[in-house]
Amino acid sequence: MVKKLTKGSEEREFYICEECGFSYETNELAKKCQDWCQKHHSCSLKITKHAVNLKH
């Protein structure tokens, strides 16, 4: 299951792949990432290039 996170004063929503921890702006991308990670035990560059950095 994809984890939902609300962050910042603007209360933007992000979705996190619980397998690898990458964060995305859409639930759809996070779900694709999680499905890929579970099936292949690796990350897909085509998916992870859409990941966002939440540390800034």
PDB file of N, CA and C in Angstrom:
ATOM      1  N   MET A   1       0.842  -1.186   0.000  1.00  0.00           N
ATOM      2  CA  MET A   1       0.000   0.000   0.000  1.00  0.00           C
ATOM      3  C   MET A   1       0.881   1.241   0.000  1.00  0.00           C
ATOM      4  N   VAL A   2       0.568   2.196  -0.817  1.00  0.00           N
ATOM      5  CA  VAL A   2       1.288   3.460  -0.927  1.00  0.00           C
ATOM      6  C   VAL A   2       0.939   4.335   0.268  1.00  0.00           C
ATOM      7  N   LYS A   3       1.950   5.003   0.821  1.00  0.00           N
ATOM      8  CA  LYS A   3       1.762   5.861   1.980  1.00  0.00           C
ATOM      9  C   LYS A   3       1.542   7.300   1.515  1.00  0.00           C
ATOM     10  N   LYS A   4       0.585   7.997   2.100  1.00  0.00           N
ATOM     11  CA  LYS A   4       0.272   9.388   1.755  1.00  0.00           C
ATOM     12  C   LYS A   4       0.886  10.311   2.810  1.00  0.00           C
ATOM     13  N   LEU A   5       1.510  11.399   2.347  1.00  0.00           N
ATOM     14  CA  LEU A   5       2.157  12.351   3.245  1.00  0.00           C
ATOM     15  C   LEU A   5       1.749  13.763   2.854  1.00  0.00           C
ATOM     16  N   THR A   6       1.357  14.565   3.834  1.00  0.00           N
ATOM     17  CA  THR A   6       1.048  15.974   3.611  1.00  0.00           C
ATOM     18  C   THR A   6       2.197  16.776   4.201  1.00  0.00           C
ATOM     19  N   LYS A   7       2.757  17.691   3.405  1.00  0.00           N
ATOM     20  CA  LYS A   7       3.960  18.395   3.834  1.00  0.00           C
ATOM     21  C   LYS A   7       3.876  19.872   3.479  1.00  0.00           C
ATOM     22  N   GLY A   8       4.464  20.691   4.339  1.00  0.00           N
ATOM     23  CA  GLY A   8       4.616  22.117   4.077  1.00  0.00           C
ATOM     24  C   GLY A   8       3.411  22.940   4.481  1.00  0.00           C
ATOM     25  N   SER A   9       3.625  24.244   4.480  1.00  0.00           N
ATOM     26  CA  SER A   9       2.557  25.163   4.863  1.00  0.00           C
ATOM     27  C   SER A   9       1.425  25.159   3.840  1.00  0.00           C
ATOM     28  N   GLU A  10       1.751  24.753   2.600  1.00  0.00           N
ATOM     29  CA  GLU A  10       0.733  24.671   1.544  1.00  0.00           C
ATOM     30  C   GLU A  10      -0.043  23.364   1.616  1.00  0.00           C
ATOM     31  N   GLU A  11       0.387  22.475   2.519  1.00  0.00           N
ATOM     32  CA  GLU A  11      -0.219  21.154   2.704  1.00  0.00           C
ATOM     33  C   GLU A  11      -0.300  20.379   1.397  1.00  0.00           C
ATOM     34  N   ARG A  12       0.839  20.325   0.687  1.00  0.00           N
ATOM     35  CA  ARG A  12       0.918  19.542  -0.544  1.00  0.00           C
ATOM     36  C   ARG A  12       0.931  18.067  -0.195  1.00  0.00           C
ATOM     37  N   GLU A  13       0.316  17.275  -1.034  1.00  0.00           N
ATOM     38  CA  GLU A  13       0.253  15.841  -0.806  1.00  0.00           C
ATOM     39  C   GLU A  13       1.281  15.122  -1.658  1.00  0.00           C
ATOM     40  N   PHE A  14       1.960  14.163  -1.043  1.00  0.00           N
ATOM     41  CA  PHE A  14       2.930  13.326  -1.719  1.00  0.00           C
ATOM     42  C   PHE A  14       2.603  11.880  -1.397  1.00  0.00           C
ATOM     43  N   TYR A  15       3.063  10.990  -2.252  1.00  0.00           N
ATOM     44  CA  TYR A  15       2.789   9.572  -2.100  1.00  0.00           C
ATOM     45  C   TYR A  15       4.119   8.832  -2.108  1.00  0.00           C
ATOM     46  N   ILE A  16       4.293   7.920  -1.180  1.00  0.00           N
ATOM     47  CA  ILE A  16       5.578   7.266  -0.973  1.00  0.00           C
ATOM     48  C   ILE A  16       5.473   5.773  -1.227  1.00  0.00           C
ATOM     49  N   CYS A  17       6.407   5.263  -2.028  1.00  0.00           N
ATOM     50  CA  CYS A  17       6.531   3.822  -2.245  1.00  0.00           C
ATOM     51  C   CYS A  17       7.087   3.228  -0.957  1.00  0.00           C
ATOM     52  N   GLU A  18       6.374   2.313  -0.352  1.00  0.00           N
ATOM     53  CA  GLU A  18       6.820   1.729   0.906  1.00  0.00           C
ATOM     54  C   GLU A  18       7.909   0.676   0.718  1.00  0.00           C
ATOM     55  N   GLU A  19       8.197   0.312  -0.511  1.00  0.00           N
ATOM     56  CA  GLU A  19       9.261  -0.648  -0.774  1.00  0.00           C
ATOM     57  C   GLU A  19      10.630   0.041  -0.796  1.00  0.00           C
ATOM     58  N   CYS A  20      10.748   1.147  -1.533  1.00  0.00           N
ATOM     59  CA  CYS A  20      12.059   1.796  -1.685  1.00  0.00           C
ATOM     60  C   CYS A  20      12.130   3.171  -1.015  1.00  0.00           C
ATOM     61  N   GLY A  21      10.976   3.770  -0.715  1.00  0.00           N
ATOM     62  CA  GLY A  21      10.962   5.057  -0.029  1.00  0.00           C
ATOM     63  C   GLY A  21      10.950   6.280  -0.932  1.00  0.00           C
ATOM     64  N   PHE A  22      10.945   6.104  -2.261  1.00  0.00           N
ATOM     65  CA  PHE A  22      10.873   7.248  -3.158  1.00  0.00           C
ATOM     66  C   PHE A  22       9.497   7.912  -3.051  1.00  0.00           C
ATOM     67  N   SER A  23       9.479   9.242  -3.200  1.00  0.00           N
ATOM     68  CA  SER A  23       8.251  10.027  -3.074  1.00  0.00           C
ATOM     69  C   SER A  23       7.832  10.577  -4.432  1.00  0.00           C
ATOM     70  N   TYR A  24       6.512  10.674  -4.616  1.00  0.00           N
ATOM     71  CA  TYR A  24       5.949  11.129  -5.892  1.00  0.00           C
ATOM     72  C   TYR A  24       4.809  12.094  -5.650  1.00  0.00           C
ATOM     73  N   GLU A  25       4.533  12.913  -6.650  1.00  0.00           N
ATOM     74  CA  GLU A  25       3.437  13.873  -6.547  1.00  0.00           C
ATOM     75  C   GLU A  25       2.086  13.249  -6.846  1.00  0.00           C
ATOM     76  N   THR A  26       2.069  12.059  -7.464  1.00  0.00           N
ATOM     77  CA  THR A  26       0.798  11.398  -7.756  1.00  0.00           C
ATOM     78  C   THR A  26       0.778   9.998  -7.166  1.00  0.00           C
ATOM     79  N   ASN A  27      -0.396   9.582  -6.789  1.00  0.00           N
ATOM     80  CA  ASN A  27      -0.593   8.244  -6.260  1.00  0.00           C
ATOM     81  C   ASN A  27      -0.294   7.201  -7.340  1.00  0.00           C
ATOM     82  N   GLU A  28      -0.628   7.521  -8.578  1.00  0.00           N
ATOM     83  CA  GLU A  28      -0.427   6.600  -9.697  1.00  0.00           C
ATOM     84  C   GLU A  28       1.057   6.239  -9.868  1.00  0.00           C
ATOM     85  N   LEU A  29       1.929   7.233  -9.821  1.00  0.00           N
ATOM     86  CA  LEU A  29       3.360   6.968  -9.962  1.00  0.00           C
ATOM     87  C   LEU A  29       3.898   6.166  -8.777  1.00  0.00           C
ATOM     88  N   ALA A  30       3.454   6.506  -7.582  1.00  0.00           N
ATOM     89  CA  ALA A  30       3.905   5.771  -6.400  1.00  0.00           C
ATOM     90  C   ALA A  30       3.448   4.309  -6.460  1.00  0.00           C
ATOM     91  N   LYS A  31       2.252   4.085  -6.942  1.00  0.00           N
ATOM     92  CA  LYS A  31       1.723   2.720  -7.079  1.00  0.00           C
ATOM     93  C   LYS A  31       2.525   1.945  -8.122  1.00  0.00           C
ATOM     94  N   LYS A  32       2.833   2.584  -9.258  1.00  0.00           N
ATOM     95  CA  LYS A  32       3.642   1.924 -10.284  1.00  0.00           C
ATOM     96  C   LYS A  32       5.014   1.555  -9.722  1.00  0.00           C
ATOM     97  N   CYS A  33       5.608   2.482  -8.973  1.00  0.00           N
ATOM     98  CA  CYS A  33       6.911   2.239  -8.370  1.00  0.00           C
ATOM     99  C   CYS A  33       6.842   1.055  -7.411  1.00  0.00           C
ATOM    100  N   GLN A  34       5.860   1.067  -6.555  1.00  0.00           N
ATOM    101  CA  GLN A  34       5.726   0.000  -5.567  1.00  0.00           C
ATOM    102  C   GLN A  34       5.481  -1.349  -6.240  1.00  0.00           C
ATOM    103  N   ASP A  35       4.644  -1.389  -7.245  1.00  0.00           N
ATOM    104  CA  ASP A  35       4.392  -2.638  -7.965  1.00  0.00           C
ATOM    105  C   ASP A  35       5.678  -3.162  -8.603  1.00  0.00           C
ATOM    106  N   TRP A  36       6.447  -2.248  -9.233  1.00  0.00           N
ATOM    107  CA  TRP A  36       7.712  -2.635  -9.866  1.00  0.00           C
ATOM    108  C   TRP A  36       8.689  -3.176  -8.801  1.00  0.00           C
ATOM    109  N   CYS A  37       8.834  -2.438  -7.714  1.00  0.00           N
ATOM    110  CA  CYS A  37       9.772  -2.836  -6.652  1.00  0.00           C
ATOM    111  C   CYS A  37       9.431  -4.221  -6.096  1.00  0.00           C
ATOM    112  N   GLN A  38       8.163  -4.466  -5.855  1.00  0.00           N
ATOM    113  CA  GLN A  38       7.746  -5.755  -5.300  1.00  0.00           C
ATOM    114  C   GLN A  38       7.992  -6.892  -6.283  1.00  0.00           C
ATOM    115  N   LYS A  39       7.754  -6.638  -7.551  1.00  0.00           N
ATOM    116  CA  LYS A  39       7.890  -7.692  -8.550  1.00  0.00           C
ATOM    117  C   LYS A  39       9.350  -7.982  -8.909  1.00  0.00           C
ATOM    118  N   HIS A  40      10.172  -6.920  -9.039  1.00  0.00           N
ATOM    119  CA  HIS A  40      11.533  -7.076  -9.552  1.00  0.00           C
ATOM    120  C   HIS A  40      12.623  -6.932  -8.486  1.00  0.00           C
ATOM    121  N   HIS A  41      12.258  -6.525  -7.278  1.00  0.00           N
ATOM    122  CA  HIS A  41      13.227  -6.292  -6.195  1.00  0.00           C
ATOM    123  C   HIS A  41      14.318  -5.320  -6.648  1.00  0.00           C
ATOM    124  N   SER A  42      13.908  -4.306  -7.397  1.00  0.00           N
ATOM    125  CA  SER A  42      14.797  -3.250  -7.879  1.00  0.00           C
ATOM    126  C   SER A  42      13.927  -2.049  -8.219  1.00  0.00           C
ATOM    127  N   CYS A  43      14.575  -0.962  -8.650  1.00  0.00           N
ATOM    128  CA  CYS A  43      13.839   0.233  -9.058  1.00  0.00           C
ATOM    129  C   CYS A  43      13.918   0.410 -10.571  1.00  0.00           C
ATOM    130  N   SER A  44      12.875   0.979 -11.136  1.00  0.00           N
ATOM    131  CA  SER A  44      12.820   1.279 -12.563  1.00  0.00           C
ATOM    132  C   SER A  44      13.223   2.733 -12.782  1.00  0.00           C
ATOM    133  N   LEU A  45      14.231   2.964 -13.624  1.00  0.00           N
ATOM    134  CA  LEU A  45      14.649   4.331 -13.920  1.00  0.00           C
ATOM    135  C   LEU A  45      13.553   5.125 -14.613  1.00  0.00           C
ATOM    136  N   LYS A  46      12.721   4.464 -15.392  1.00  0.00           N
ATOM    137  CA  LYS A  46      11.621   5.157 -16.074  1.00  0.00           C
ATOM    138  C   LYS A  46      10.606   5.699 -15.076  1.00  0.00           C
ATOM    139  N   ILE A  47      10.473   5.045 -13.941  1.00  0.00           N
ATOM    140  CA  ILE A  47       9.532   5.495 -12.912  1.00  0.00           C
ATOM    141  C   ILE A  47      10.222   6.460 -11.954  1.00  0.00           C
ATOM    142  N   THR A  48      11.395   6.096 -11.459  1.00  0.00           N
ATOM    143  CA  THR A  48      12.055   6.907 -10.429  1.00  0.00           C
ATOM    144  C   THR A  48      12.532   8.267 -10.929  1.00  0.00           C
ATOM    145  N   LYS A  49      12.617   8.462 -12.238  1.00  0.00           N
ATOM    146  CA  LYS A  49      13.001   9.790 -12.722  1.00  0.00           C
ATOM    147  C   LYS A  49      11.929  10.829 -12.380  1.00  0.00           C
ATOM    148  N   HIS A  50      10.742  10.389 -11.973  1.00  0.00           N
ATOM    149  CA  HIS A  50       9.655  11.293 -11.589  1.00  0.00           C
ATOM    150  C   HIS A  50       9.586  11.522 -10.079  1.00  0.00           C
ATOM    151  N   ALA A  51      10.501  10.904  -9.335  1.00  0.00           N
ATOM    152  CA  ALA A  51      10.516  11.047  -7.871  1.00  0.00           C
ATOM    153  C   ALA A  51      10.851  12.481  -7.491  1.00  0.00           C
ATOM    154  N   VAL A  52      10.364  12.900  -6.335  1.00  0.00           N
ATOM    155  CA  VAL A  52      10.628  14.245  -5.830  1.00  0.00           C
ATOM    156  C   VAL A  52      11.417  14.153  -4.524  1.00  0.00           C
ATOM    157  N   ASN A  53      12.218  15.170  -4.262  1.00  0.00           N
ATOM    158  CA  ASN A  53      13.021  15.232  -3.046  1.00  0.00           C
ATOM    159  C   ASN A  53      12.238  16.033  -2.007  1.00  0.00           C
ATOM    160  N   LEU A  54      11.928  15.414  -0.888  1.00  0.00           N
ATOM    161  CA  LEU A  54      11.132  16.084   0.146  1.00  0.00           C
ATOM    162  C   LEU A  54      11.983  16.746   1.219  1.00  0.00           C
ATOM    163  N   LYS A  55      13.294  16.707   1.094  1.00  0.00           N
ATOM    164  CA  LYS A  55      14.168  17.213   2.150  1.00  0.00           C
ATOM    165  C   LYS A  55      14.442  18.709   2.085  1.00  0.00           C
ATOM    166  N   HIS A  56      13.919  19.410   1.063  1.00  0.00           N
ATOM    167  CA  HIS A  56      14.158  20.855   1.031  1.00  0.00           C
ATOM    168  C   HIS A  56      12.964  21.624   1.460  1.00  0.00           C
TER     169      HIS A  56
END
